[in-house]
Each structure stands twice: as structure tokens, then as C-alpha cells.
N, C-alpha and C. Protein backbone atom coordinates (compact mmCIF):
# COMPACT_ATOMS: atom_id res chain seq x y z
N MET A 1 121.33 260.88 80.85
CA MET A 1 121.79 259.49 80.88
C MET A 1 121.21 258.68 82.04
N GLU A 2 121.15 259.38 83.17
CA GLU A 2 120.58 258.81 84.30
C GLU A 2 119.20 258.52 84.21
N ASP A 3 118.39 259.38 83.61
CA ASP A 3 116.92 259.14 83.35
C ASP A 3 116.75 258.09 82.43
N GLN A 4 117.59 257.81 81.48
CA GLN A 4 117.32 256.69 80.57
C GLN A 4 117.55 255.52 81.16
N LYS A 5 118.60 255.39 82.22
CA LYS A 5 118.70 254.20 82.78
C LYS A 5 117.52 253.86 83.79
N LYS A 6 117.06 254.93 84.34
CA LYS A 6 115.87 254.62 85.38
C LYS A 6 114.63 254.18 84.52
N LYS A 7 114.45 254.85 83.27
CA LYS A 7 113.31 254.23 82.49
C LYS A 7 113.45 252.90 81.88
N LEU A 8 114.73 252.68 81.61
CA LEU A 8 115.08 251.23 81.17
C LEU A 8 114.76 250.09 82.24
N ASN A 9 115.22 250.60 83.46
CA ASN A 9 115.10 249.69 84.56
C ASN A 9 113.72 249.40 84.89
N GLU A 10 112.95 250.61 84.91
CA GLU A 10 111.41 250.58 85.11
C GLU A 10 110.84 249.66 84.10
N ILE A 11 111.10 249.80 82.83
CA ILE A 11 110.53 249.06 81.67
C ILE A 11 110.97 247.48 82.08
N LEU A 12 112.20 247.28 82.29
CA LEU A 12 112.71 245.74 82.63
C LEU A 12 111.81 245.33 83.79
N THR A 13 111.68 245.99 84.86
CA THR A 13 110.91 245.59 86.22
C THR A 13 109.52 245.40 85.69
N ASN A 14 108.93 246.12 84.98
CA ASN A 14 107.42 245.95 84.46
C ASN A 14 107.31 244.54 83.57
N VAL A 15 108.29 244.36 82.73
CA VAL A 15 108.35 243.14 81.87
C VAL A 15 108.45 241.93 82.66
N LEU A 16 109.44 242.04 83.73
CA LEU A 16 109.66 240.94 84.44
C LEU A 16 108.42 240.68 85.47
N LYS A 17 107.71 241.74 85.82
CA LYS A 17 106.40 241.43 86.57
C LYS A 17 105.45 240.79 85.65
N ILE A 18 105.28 241.28 84.51
CA ILE A 18 104.29 240.64 83.55
C ILE A 18 104.73 239.31 83.30
N LEU A 19 105.86 238.84 82.92
CA LEU A 19 106.46 237.58 82.66
C LEU A 19 106.33 236.65 83.97
N GLY A 20 106.42 237.10 85.14
CA GLY A 20 106.27 236.41 86.36
C GLY A 20 104.72 236.21 86.61
N GLY A 21 103.87 237.23 86.06
CA GLY A 21 102.41 236.85 86.26
C GLY A 21 101.94 235.78 85.33
N LEU A 22 102.52 235.77 84.08
CA LEU A 22 102.13 234.77 83.17
C LEU A 22 102.65 233.41 83.50
N ILE A 23 103.73 233.32 84.27
CA ILE A 23 104.17 232.05 84.61
C ILE A 23 103.39 231.51 85.67
N VAL A 24 103.02 232.32 86.67
CA VAL A 24 102.12 231.94 87.76
C VAL A 24 100.76 231.64 87.13
N LEU A 25 100.23 232.29 86.21
CA LEU A 25 99.05 231.96 85.50
C LEU A 25 99.02 230.54 84.82
N GLY A 26 99.97 230.41 84.18
CA GLY A 26 100.46 229.09 83.58
C GLY A 26 100.33 227.88 84.43
N VAL A 27 100.91 228.13 85.55
CA VAL A 27 101.09 227.16 86.55
C VAL A 27 99.71 226.78 87.08
N VAL A 28 98.98 227.70 87.40
CA VAL A 28 97.72 227.63 88.08
C VAL A 28 96.76 226.94 87.00
N ALA A 29 96.89 227.28 85.73
CA ALA A 29 96.08 226.61 84.70
C ALA A 29 96.52 225.22 84.61
N ILE A 30 97.79 224.87 84.66
CA ILE A 30 98.17 223.44 84.63
C ILE A 30 97.56 222.66 85.74
N ILE A 31 97.61 223.27 86.92
CA ILE A 31 97.15 222.47 88.39
C ILE A 31 95.67 222.16 88.00
N VAL A 32 94.82 223.43 87.57
CA VAL A 32 93.37 223.35 87.61
C VAL A 32 93.15 222.11 86.48
N LEU A 33 93.80 222.14 85.30
CA LEU A 33 93.42 221.06 84.38
C LEU A 33 93.77 219.66 84.89
N ASN A 34 94.93 219.65 85.57
CA ASN A 34 95.41 218.29 86.22
C ASN A 34 94.22 217.78 87.25
N VAL A 35 93.70 218.56 88.07
CA VAL A 35 92.75 218.22 88.82
C VAL A 35 91.38 217.92 88.16
N LEU A 36 91.02 218.67 87.25
CA LEU A 36 89.87 218.36 86.48
C LEU A 36 89.97 216.99 85.78
N TYR A 37 91.03 216.66 85.20
CA TYR A 37 91.17 215.42 84.40
C TYR A 37 91.89 214.32 85.06
N SER A 38 92.32 214.45 86.44
CA SER A 38 92.99 213.49 86.87
C SER A 38 92.40 212.11 87.22
N ASN A 39 91.07 212.20 87.07
CA ASN A 39 90.24 210.92 87.08
C ASN A 39 89.88 210.21 85.91
N LYS A 40 90.26 210.88 84.85
CA LYS A 40 90.08 210.54 83.53
C LYS A 40 91.17 209.56 83.08
N THR A 41 91.10 208.41 82.75
CA THR A 41 92.25 207.39 82.28
C THR A 41 92.10 207.24 80.85
N GLY A 42 90.95 207.90 80.10
CA GLY A 42 91.01 207.63 78.75
C GLY A 42 90.15 206.36 78.44
N GLU A 43 89.95 205.67 79.46
CA GLU A 43 89.18 204.33 79.32
C GLU A 43 87.77 204.71 79.44
N LYS A 44 86.94 203.99 78.54
CA LYS A 44 85.34 204.13 78.73
C LYS A 44 84.86 203.48 79.92
N ASP A 45 83.77 204.09 80.48
CA ASP A 45 83.16 203.48 81.74
C ASP A 45 82.71 202.17 81.24
N PRO A 46 83.06 201.03 81.94
CA PRO A 46 82.40 199.82 81.56
C PRO A 46 81.02 199.66 81.77
N LEU A 47 80.43 200.56 82.62
CA LEU A 47 78.88 200.28 82.86
C LEU A 47 78.13 201.34 81.98
N ALA A 48 78.80 201.88 81.00
CA ALA A 48 77.93 202.88 80.17
C ALA A 48 77.10 201.99 79.34
N PRO A 49 76.02 202.37 79.18
CA PRO A 49 75.01 201.58 78.28
C PRO A 49 75.36 200.87 77.00
N ASP A 50 76.32 201.78 76.21
CA ASP A 50 76.74 201.09 75.02
C ASP A 50 77.78 199.93 75.13
N MET A 51 78.49 199.97 76.28
CA MET A 51 79.41 199.01 76.66
C MET A 51 78.55 197.78 77.12
N LEU A 52 77.52 198.01 77.85
CA LEU A 52 76.56 196.78 78.32
C LEU A 52 75.83 196.14 77.11
N VAL A 53 75.46 196.95 76.15
CA VAL A 53 74.77 196.54 74.97
C VAL A 53 75.76 195.57 74.19
N THR A 54 77.07 196.08 74.08
CA THR A 54 78.11 195.26 73.37
C THR A 54 78.21 193.89 74.01
N PHE A 55 78.41 193.88 75.35
CA PHE A 55 78.54 192.76 76.02
C PHE A 55 77.32 191.67 75.78
N SER A 56 76.13 192.44 75.91
CA SER A 56 74.84 191.46 75.68
C SER A 56 74.89 190.85 74.35
N LYS A 57 75.36 191.70 73.38
CA LYS A 57 75.24 191.13 72.08
C LYS A 57 76.11 189.79 72.05
N GLN A 58 77.39 189.95 72.58
CA GLN A 58 78.29 188.83 72.42
C GLN A 58 77.64 187.57 73.30
N ALA A 59 77.06 187.84 74.49
CA ALA A 59 76.41 186.77 75.33
C ALA A 59 75.29 186.12 74.44
N VAL A 60 74.64 186.93 73.76
CA VAL A 60 73.47 186.36 72.82
C VAL A 60 73.96 185.50 71.82
N LYS A 61 74.99 186.02 71.05
CA LYS A 61 75.53 185.24 69.99
C LYS A 61 76.09 183.86 70.49
N GLU A 62 76.69 183.69 71.83
CA GLU A 62 77.08 182.48 72.15
C GLU A 62 75.98 181.42 72.56
N HIS A 63 74.70 181.96 72.37
CA HIS A 63 73.50 181.11 72.67
C HIS A 63 72.82 180.70 71.43
N LEU A 64 73.27 181.29 70.21
CA LEU A 64 72.55 181.10 68.92
C LEU A 64 73.09 179.85 68.08
N LYS A 65 72.27 179.40 67.31
CA LYS A 65 72.61 178.22 66.44
C LYS A 65 73.67 178.61 65.28
N SER A 66 73.28 179.99 64.90
CA SER A 66 74.02 180.50 63.83
C SER A 66 74.64 182.00 64.25
N PRO A 67 75.60 182.16 65.12
CA PRO A 67 76.03 183.40 65.55
C PRO A 67 76.45 184.25 64.50
N SER A 68 76.91 183.81 63.32
CA SER A 68 77.45 184.66 62.19
C SER A 68 76.43 185.31 61.60
N SER A 69 75.19 184.80 61.74
CA SER A 69 73.87 185.30 60.90
C SER A 69 73.19 186.46 61.94
N ALA A 70 73.71 186.62 62.97
CA ALA A 70 73.09 187.49 63.93
C ALA A 70 73.11 188.97 63.39
N GLU A 71 71.85 189.69 63.57
CA GLU A 71 71.76 191.01 63.10
C GLU A 71 71.08 191.77 64.36
N PHE A 72 71.85 192.75 64.88
CA PHE A 72 71.33 193.47 65.86
C PHE A 72 70.82 194.97 65.51
N PRO A 73 69.82 195.46 66.13
CA PRO A 73 69.60 196.84 65.83
C PRO A 73 70.78 197.88 66.09
N SER A 74 70.99 198.72 65.24
CA SER A 74 72.06 199.64 65.42
C SER A 74 71.65 200.71 66.18
N ASP A 75 70.28 201.31 66.29
CA ASP A 75 69.76 202.28 67.01
C ASP A 75 69.76 201.95 68.46
N GLU A 76 70.55 202.80 69.36
CA GLU A 76 70.59 202.71 70.69
C GLU A 76 69.27 202.62 71.46
N SER A 77 68.33 203.37 70.93
CA SER A 77 67.02 203.42 71.54
C SER A 77 66.26 202.17 71.44
N LYS A 78 66.61 201.19 70.61
CA LYS A 78 65.87 199.98 70.67
C LYS A 78 66.44 199.00 71.68
N TYR A 79 67.20 199.47 72.67
CA TYR A 79 67.68 198.64 73.87
C TYR A 79 67.23 199.29 75.05
N SER A 80 66.93 198.42 76.07
CA SER A 80 66.63 199.00 77.54
C SER A 80 67.77 198.39 78.41
N VAL A 81 68.39 199.39 78.93
CA VAL A 81 69.60 199.01 79.90
C VAL A 81 69.28 199.51 81.28
N SER A 82 69.43 198.77 82.32
CA SER A 82 69.25 199.05 83.64
C SER A 82 70.51 198.60 84.52
N TYR A 83 70.85 199.33 85.66
CA TYR A 83 71.77 199.03 86.51
C TYR A 83 71.38 198.87 87.87
N ASP A 84 71.57 197.74 88.60
CA ASP A 84 71.09 197.71 90.14
C ASP A 84 72.34 197.99 91.01
N GLU A 85 72.61 199.03 91.43
CA GLU A 85 73.70 199.28 92.28
C GLU A 85 73.95 198.42 93.58
N GLU A 86 72.77 198.03 94.06
CA GLU A 86 72.79 197.29 95.39
C GLU A 86 73.17 195.87 95.01
N LYS A 87 72.83 195.26 93.99
CA LYS A 87 73.36 193.86 93.40
C LYS A 87 74.38 193.89 92.59
N ASN A 88 74.80 195.07 92.18
CA ASN A 88 75.97 195.13 91.21
C ASN A 88 75.66 194.45 89.97
N THR A 89 74.49 194.50 89.43
CA THR A 89 74.07 193.68 88.30
C THR A 89 73.44 194.73 87.23
N PHE A 90 73.50 194.33 85.95
CA PHE A 90 73.01 195.05 84.92
C PHE A 90 71.99 194.15 84.18
N THR A 91 71.05 194.63 83.50
CA THR A 91 70.08 193.95 82.64
C THR A 91 69.96 194.79 81.40
N VAL A 92 70.02 194.04 80.22
CA VAL A 92 69.84 194.50 78.71
C VAL A 92 68.63 193.80 78.12
N TYR A 93 67.81 194.56 77.74
CA TYR A 93 66.64 194.05 76.86
C TYR A 93 67.05 194.45 75.41
N GLY A 94 66.86 193.58 74.49
CA GLY A 94 67.10 193.84 73.01
C GLY A 94 66.55 192.85 72.20
N SER A 95 66.65 193.06 70.98
CA SER A 95 66.29 191.87 69.97
C SER A 95 67.33 191.63 68.93
N VAL A 96 67.17 190.40 68.42
CA VAL A 96 68.26 189.87 67.43
C VAL A 96 67.52 189.09 66.31
N GLU A 97 68.04 189.25 65.15
CA GLU A 97 67.48 188.55 64.06
C GLU A 97 68.67 187.57 63.71
N ALA A 98 68.42 186.15 63.73
CA ALA A 98 69.35 185.24 63.39
C ALA A 98 68.74 183.95 62.86
N GLN A 99 69.57 183.21 62.06
CA GLN A 99 69.03 181.88 61.46
C GLN A 99 68.88 180.90 62.56
N ASN A 100 67.89 180.16 62.45
CA ASN A 100 67.71 178.93 63.53
C ASN A 100 68.43 177.60 62.88
N ALA A 101 68.19 176.54 63.44
CA ALA A 101 69.10 175.51 63.07
C ALA A 101 68.60 175.08 61.68
N LEU A 102 67.51 175.51 61.09
CA LEU A 102 67.06 175.08 59.83
C LEU A 102 67.36 175.99 58.76
N GLY A 103 68.01 177.06 59.34
CA GLY A 103 68.41 178.23 58.42
C GLY A 103 67.30 179.39 58.28
N VAL A 104 66.28 179.20 58.80
CA VAL A 104 65.19 180.32 58.83
C VAL A 104 65.67 181.51 59.70
N LEU A 105 65.44 182.68 59.04
CA LEU A 105 65.78 183.90 59.81
C LEU A 105 64.55 184.23 60.76
N LEU A 106 64.91 184.22 62.01
CA LEU A 106 63.82 184.68 62.93
C LEU A 106 64.13 185.83 63.89
N LYS A 107 63.16 186.60 64.28
CA LYS A 107 63.46 187.76 65.17
C LYS A 107 63.00 187.24 66.46
N ASN A 108 63.88 187.49 67.63
CA ASN A 108 63.82 187.12 68.94
C ASN A 108 64.11 188.25 69.67
N ASP A 109 63.31 188.35 70.89
CA ASP A 109 63.73 189.34 72.11
C ASP A 109 64.73 188.58 72.81
N TYR A 110 65.45 189.39 73.64
CA TYR A 110 66.46 188.77 74.48
C TYR A 110 66.47 189.64 75.81
N VAL A 111 67.04 188.96 76.95
CA VAL A 111 67.23 189.46 78.23
C VAL A 111 68.69 188.96 78.67
N VAL A 112 69.44 189.86 78.77
CA VAL A 112 70.82 189.42 79.53
C VAL A 112 70.92 190.05 80.66
N ILE A 113 71.22 189.24 81.73
CA ILE A 113 71.61 189.92 83.11
C ILE A 113 73.10 189.48 83.34
N GLY A 114 73.79 190.48 83.73
CA GLY A 114 75.23 190.25 84.10
C GLY A 114 75.82 191.21 85.13
N LYS A 115 77.06 191.10 85.42
CA LYS A 115 77.75 192.00 86.29
C LYS A 115 79.06 192.17 85.85
N TYR A 116 79.65 193.32 86.30
CA TYR A 116 81.08 193.75 85.99
C TYR A 116 81.96 193.61 87.21
N ASP A 117 83.01 192.67 87.13
CA ASP A 117 84.02 192.57 88.07
C ASP A 117 85.07 193.73 88.03
N LYS A 118 84.92 194.64 88.70
CA LYS A 118 85.75 195.75 88.74
C LYS A 118 87.31 195.57 89.04
N GLU A 119 87.56 194.49 89.76
CA GLU A 119 89.00 193.99 90.09
C GLU A 119 89.61 193.30 88.93
N LYS A 120 88.82 192.47 88.38
CA LYS A 120 89.37 191.71 87.06
C LYS A 120 88.98 192.44 85.89
N LYS A 121 88.28 193.41 85.92
CA LYS A 121 87.91 194.33 84.84
C LYS A 121 87.36 193.37 83.68
N GLN A 122 86.32 192.59 84.03
CA GLN A 122 85.72 191.73 82.97
C GLN A 122 84.14 191.60 83.43
N TYR A 123 83.30 191.29 82.26
CA TYR A 123 81.94 191.09 82.51
C TYR A 123 81.60 189.55 82.82
N ILE A 124 80.71 189.35 83.61
CA ILE A 124 80.28 188.03 83.99
C ILE A 124 78.83 187.98 83.68
N GLU A 125 78.47 186.85 82.74
CA GLU A 125 77.10 186.69 82.31
C GLU A 125 76.44 185.78 83.40
N ILE A 126 75.27 186.31 83.90
CA ILE A 126 74.50 185.58 84.90
C ILE A 126 73.49 184.79 84.16
N SER A 127 72.73 185.42 83.40
CA SER A 127 71.89 184.76 82.54
C SER A 127 71.60 185.38 81.35
N THR A 128 71.15 184.49 80.21
CA THR A 128 70.66 185.00 78.89
C THR A 128 69.41 184.19 78.58
N ASP A 129 68.38 185.01 78.26
CA ASP A 129 66.98 184.43 77.89
C ASP A 129 66.68 184.94 76.60
N ILE A 130 66.53 184.06 75.53
CA ILE A 130 66.22 184.40 74.26
C ILE A 130 64.88 183.85 73.96
N SER A 131 63.77 184.63 73.52
CA SER A 131 62.63 184.27 73.27
C SER A 131 62.07 184.73 72.04
């Protein structure tokens, strides 16, 4: 009977050690994941090229005679996007097909220069040139 108690006590001790190790491992995993993802807010980087292209399309539409007729390339490779960290400005080159004042569909190239105000979380259009 005494041997059975010792074996049972030994088994319980081992089970508790294993459970304790699993708990420690779980806590460590939670801490590691928290550190890895603590800088991720779920929001997309406003200076990501696709975000800048989206802003440029809106800026271009504001300068068109018929913004509702605007057609932009869906292929990301059709745009050139650059960011100047020193000046905190970005430049987007692209093209648009839209109707002019006479209703004729024309294809034009454009350049949009802008900046992103991190405090206000908004884009600022500096210039838009459509040719």
C-alpha cells in the first residue's frame, strides 16, 4: 500500500511538472507573439504604393471634366510610385482614360505629388499635372 502511494505521488508530481512546463511555455509564446505583433495596428501603411495610387486616382478625378468617366489601369505595374523621405513627399506617375468637355474619350498621363500628414492622418495634394 505504501509503495502504491509513493508511485501515485510520483506520478502526480510528474504530471504537475509537465503542466507547469506547459503553462510556462504558453506564457512565453503569448509574450513572444505580443512583442512580434505589438506594432501592428491592423491599419494599412498609408505610404504603401497601392495607398498612394488610390490617393492619386482621387486627385486626378478632381481635375477632370468628366470624373465619372475615368478609367485607370488595374495593373499595379502601370504606375510608378516614389517616396522622398527627406521632403516627406511622394510622386505617382500613371495614366487615365476619361472624357473631355466634348465627350471624347482621351488617354492622358499624369503626375501627382503629395505628402502624408501623419498627425492628421490625411493626404495632402501638392500638385497634379495631367497631360
